[in-house]
Structure formats: structure tokens, C-alpha cells
């Protein structure tokens, strides 16, 4: 299993001035599915 430092990855995206789609999910299943395609998912 790959160890991901989420805060570091997110900070790197912001510092690179990339456009980051932030996706809000209502439940854990939706969050799990959308996290395969988007980097910034929150519940």
C-alpha cells in the first residue's frame, strides 16, 4: 500500500498554481468512488 501525505500533495498542487477541483461528497461511498478521479474530496 502506498503511503500518501495528503497535506503535502495538496500544498504542492497549490504552490504549482494548478486549478484544483474540490468535490464535496455526501456519504463515504460517493467519496470513495470520486477519490479515484479527483484529488480533493471532502465529506
PDB file of N, CA and C in Angstrom:
ATOM      1  N   UNK A   1       0.836  -1.174   0.000  1.00  0.00           N
ATOM      2  CA  UNK A   1       0.000   0.000   0.000  1.00  0.00           C
ATOM      3  C   UNK A   1       0.889   1.247   0.000  1.00  0.00           C
ATOM      4  N   UNK A   2       0.530   2.218  -0.819  1.00  0.00           N
ATOM      5  CA  UNK A   2       1.307   3.439  -0.971  1.00  0.00           C
ATOM      6  C   UNK A   2       0.957   4.444   0.131  1.00  0.00           C
ATOM      7  N   UNK A   3       1.969   4.984   0.788  1.00  0.00           N
ATOM      8  CA  UNK A   3       1.765   5.975   1.845  1.00  0.00           C
ATOM      9  C   UNK A   3       1.653   7.358   1.203  1.00  0.00           C
ATOM     10  N   UNK A   4       0.491   7.995   1.317  1.00  0.00           N
ATOM     11  CA  UNK A   4       0.243   9.295   0.704  1.00  0.00           C
ATOM     12  C   UNK A   4       0.184  10.362   1.789  1.00  0.00           C
ATOM     13  N   UNK A   5       0.975  11.387   1.632  1.00  0.00           N
ATOM     14  CA  UNK A   5       0.929  12.547   2.521  1.00  0.00           C
ATOM     15  C   UNK A   5      -0.022  13.556   1.883  1.00  0.00           C
ATOM     16  N   UNK A   6      -1.300  13.510   2.273  1.00  0.00           N
ATOM     17  CA  UNK A   6      -2.326  14.307   1.606  1.00  0.00           C
ATOM     18  C   UNK A   6      -2.074  15.803   1.723  1.00  0.00           C
ATOM     19  N   UNK A   7      -1.683  16.275   2.889  1.00  0.00           N
ATOM     20  CA  UNK A   7      -1.419  17.707   3.063  1.00  0.00           C
ATOM     21  C   UNK A   7      -0.280  18.185   2.183  1.00  0.00           C
ATOM     22  N   UNK A   8       0.766  17.383   2.087  1.00  0.00           N
ATOM     23  CA  UNK A   8       1.915  17.735   1.260  1.00  0.00           C
ATOM     24  C   UNK A   8       1.539  17.754  -0.214  1.00  0.00           C
ATOM     25  N   UNK A   9       0.770  16.768  -0.651  1.00  0.00           N
ATOM     26  CA  UNK A   9       0.348  16.707  -2.051  1.00  0.00           C
ATOM     27  C   UNK A   9      -0.547  17.895  -2.402  1.00  0.00           C
ATOM     28  N   UNK A  10      -1.489  18.228  -1.530  1.00  0.00           N
ATOM     29  CA  UNK A  10      -2.400  19.349  -1.762  1.00  0.00           C
ATOM     30  C   UNK A  10      -1.634  20.670  -1.792  1.00  0.00           C
ATOM     31  N   UNK A  11      -0.710  20.848  -0.861  1.00  0.00           N
ATOM     32  CA  UNK A  11       0.104  22.062  -0.806  1.00  0.00           C
ATOM     33  C   UNK A  11       0.945  22.199  -2.078  1.00  0.00           C
ATOM     34  N   UNK A  12       1.478  21.090  -2.560  1.00  0.00           N
ATOM     35  CA  UNK A  12       2.265  21.115  -3.793  1.00  0.00           C
ATOM     36  C   UNK A  12       1.440  21.542  -4.996  1.00  0.00           C
ATOM     37  N   UNK A  13       0.202  21.063  -5.067  1.00  0.00           N
ATOM     38  CA  UNK A  13      -0.688  21.457  -6.160  1.00  0.00           C
ATOM     39  C   UNK A  13      -0.978  22.951  -6.108  1.00  0.00           C
ATOM     40  N   UNK A  14      -1.204  23.478  -4.919  1.00  0.00           N
ATOM     41  CA  UNK A  14      -1.493  24.908  -4.773  1.00  0.00           C
ATOM     42  C   UNK A  14      -0.268  25.744  -5.142  1.00  0.00           C
ATOM     43  N   UNK A  15       0.907  25.328  -4.686  1.00  0.00           N
ATOM     44  CA  UNK A  15       2.121  26.084  -4.984  1.00  0.00           C
ATOM     45  C   UNK A  15       2.475  26.046  -6.464  1.00  0.00           C
ATOM     46  N   UNK A  16       2.093  24.970  -7.154  1.00  0.00           N
ATOM     47  CA  UNK A  16       2.315  24.878  -8.605  1.00  0.00           C
ATOM     48  C   UNK A  16       1.291  25.693  -9.381  1.00  0.00           C
ATOM     49  N   UNK A  17       0.339  26.299  -8.658  1.00  0.00           N
ATOM     50  CA  UNK A  17      -0.719  27.141  -9.227  1.00  0.00           C
ATOM     51  C   UNK A  17      -1.597  26.380 -10.215  1.00  0.00           C
ATOM     52  N   UNK A  18      -1.837  25.115  -9.931  1.00  0.00           N
ATOM     53  CA  UNK A  18      -2.758  24.319 -10.737  1.00  0.00           C
ATOM     54  C   UNK A  18      -4.192  24.594 -10.298  1.00  0.00           C
ATOM     55  N   UNK A  19      -5.127  24.431 -11.218  1.00  0.00           N
ATOM     56  CA  UNK A  19      -6.540  24.522 -10.864  1.00  0.00           C
ATOM     57  C   UNK A  19      -6.923  23.204 -10.206  1.00  0.00           C
ATOM     58  N   UNK A  20      -7.492  23.277  -9.002  1.00  0.00           N
ATOM     59  CA  UNK A  20      -7.819  22.078  -8.236  1.00  0.00           C
ATOM     60  C   UNK A  20      -9.333  21.984  -8.068  1.00  0.00           C
ATOM     61  N   UNK A  21      -9.968  20.981  -8.697  1.00  0.00           N
ATOM     62  CA  UNK A  21     -11.400  20.804  -8.453  1.00  0.00           C
ATOM     63  C   UNK A  21     -11.603  20.211  -7.059  1.00  0.00           C
ATOM     64  N   UNK A  22     -12.402  20.864  -6.239  1.00  0.00           N
ATOM     65  CA  UNK A  22     -12.693  20.368  -4.899  1.00  0.00           C
ATOM     66  C   UNK A  22     -14.116  19.826  -4.921  1.00  0.00           C
ATOM     67  N   UNK A  23     -14.263  18.539  -4.653  1.00  0.00           N
ATOM     68  CA  UNK A  23     -15.535  17.844  -4.768  1.00  0.00           C
ATOM     69  C   UNK A  23     -16.080  17.543  -3.376  1.00  0.00           C
ATOM     70  N   UNK A  24     -17.308  17.937  -3.123  1.00  0.00           N
ATOM     71  CA  UNK A  24     -17.975  17.621  -1.859  1.00  0.00           C
ATOM     72  C   UNK A  24     -18.830  16.377  -2.030  1.00  0.00           C
ATOM     73  N   UNK A  25     -18.707  15.438  -1.132  1.00  0.00           N
ATOM     74  CA  UNK A  25     -19.477  14.191  -1.200  1.00  0.00           C
ATOM     75  C   UNK A  25     -20.339  14.061   0.050  1.00  0.00           C
ATOM     76  N   UNK A  26     -21.523  13.510  -0.122  1.00  0.00           N
ATOM     77  CA  UNK A  26     -22.482  13.390   0.976  1.00  0.00           C
ATOM     78  C   UNK A  26     -22.197  12.174   1.857  1.00  0.00           C
ATOM     79  N   UNK A  27     -21.703  11.099   1.253  1.00  0.00           N
ATOM     80  CA  UNK A  27     -21.508   9.865   2.018  1.00  0.00           C
ATOM     81  C   UNK A  27     -20.160   9.238   1.669  1.00  0.00           C
ATOM     82  N   UNK A  28     -19.771   8.251   2.434  1.00  0.00           N
ATOM     83  CA  UNK A  28     -18.465   7.610   2.272  1.00  0.00           C
ATOM     84  C   UNK A  28     -18.343   6.875   0.944  1.00  0.00           C
ATOM     85  N   UNK A  29     -19.416   6.269   0.457  1.00  0.00           N
ATOM     86  CA  UNK A  29     -19.361   5.553  -0.822  1.00  0.00           C
ATOM     87  C   UNK A  29     -19.067   6.528  -1.958  1.00  0.00           C
ATOM     88  N   UNK A  30     -19.780   7.636  -1.994  1.00  0.00           N
ATOM     89  CA  UNK A  30     -19.543   8.645  -3.034  1.00  0.00           C
ATOM     90  C   UNK A  30     -18.127   9.206  -2.936  1.00  0.00           C
ATOM     91  N   UNK A  31     -17.662   9.445  -1.730  1.00  0.00           N
ATOM     92  CA  UNK A  31     -16.305   9.956  -1.534  1.00  0.00           C
ATOM     93  C   UNK A  31     -15.274   8.947  -2.025  1.00  0.00           C
ATOM     94  N   UNK A  32     -15.497   7.687  -1.736  1.00  0.00           N
ATOM     95  CA  UNK A  32     -14.578   6.638  -2.166  1.00  0.00           C
ATOM     96  C   UNK A  32     -14.513   6.538  -3.685  1.00  0.00           C
ATOM     97  N   UNK A  33     -15.669   6.583  -4.329  1.00  0.00           N
ATOM     98  CA  UNK A  33     -15.706   6.488  -5.791  1.00  0.00           C
ATOM     99  C   UNK A  33     -15.083   7.712  -6.452  1.00  0.00           C
ATOM    100  N   UNK A  34     -15.411   8.892  -5.969  1.00  0.00           N
ATOM    101  CA  UNK A  34     -14.895  10.107  -6.597  1.00  0.00           C
ATOM    102  C   UNK A  34     -13.403  10.311  -6.322  1.00  0.00           C
ATOM    103  N   UNK A  35     -12.884   9.749  -5.242  1.00  0.00           N
ATOM    104  CA  UNK A  35     -11.464   9.915  -4.933  1.00  0.00           C
ATOM    105  C   UNK A  35     -10.567   9.196  -5.931  1.00  0.00           C
ATOM    106  N   UNK A  36     -11.128   8.286  -6.703  1.00  0.00           N
ATOM    107  CA  UNK A  36     -10.351   7.614  -7.745  1.00  0.00           C
ATOM    108  C   UNK A  36     -10.092   8.547  -8.926  1.00  0.00           C
ATOM    109  N   UNK A  37     -10.882   9.625  -9.049  1.00  0.00           N
ATOM    110  CA  UNK A  37     -10.781  10.532 -10.190  1.00  0.00           C
ATOM    111  C   UNK A  37     -10.385  11.954  -9.818  1.00  0.00           C
ATOM    112  N   UNK A  38     -10.601  12.354  -8.557  1.00  0.00           N
ATOM    113  CA  UNK A  38     -10.306  13.713  -8.112  1.00  0.00           C
ATOM    114  C   UNK A  38      -9.400  13.669  -6.890  1.00  0.00           C
ATOM    115  N   UNK A  39      -8.503  14.656  -6.780  1.00  0.00           N
ATOM    116  CA  UNK A  39      -7.555  14.693  -5.663  1.00  0.00           C
ATOM    117  C   UNK A  39      -8.112  15.339  -4.407  1.00  0.00           C
ATOM    118  N   UNK A  40      -9.067  16.239  -4.548  1.00  0.00           N
ATOM    119  CA  UNK A  40      -9.567  16.997  -3.398  1.00  0.00           C
ATOM    120  C   UNK A  40     -11.040  16.664  -3.157  1.00  0.00           C
ATOM    121  N   UNK A  41     -11.300  15.685  -2.297  1.00  0.00           N
ATOM    122  CA  UNK A  41     -12.664  15.257  -1.974  1.00  0.00           C
ATOM    123  C   UNK A  41     -12.875  15.462  -0.480  1.00  0.00           C
ATOM    124  N   UNK A  42     -14.010  16.034  -0.110  1.00  0.00           N
ATOM    125  CA  UNK A  42     -14.325  16.201   1.306  1.00  0.00           C
ATOM    126  C   UNK A  42     -15.753  15.764   1.568  1.00  0.00           C
ATOM    127  N   UNK A  43     -16.011  15.332   2.782  1.00  0.00           N
ATOM    128  CA  UNK A  43     -17.361  14.902   3.186  1.00  0.00           C
ATOM    129  C   UNK A  43     -17.973  15.931   4.100  1.00  0.00           C
TER     130      UNK A  43
END
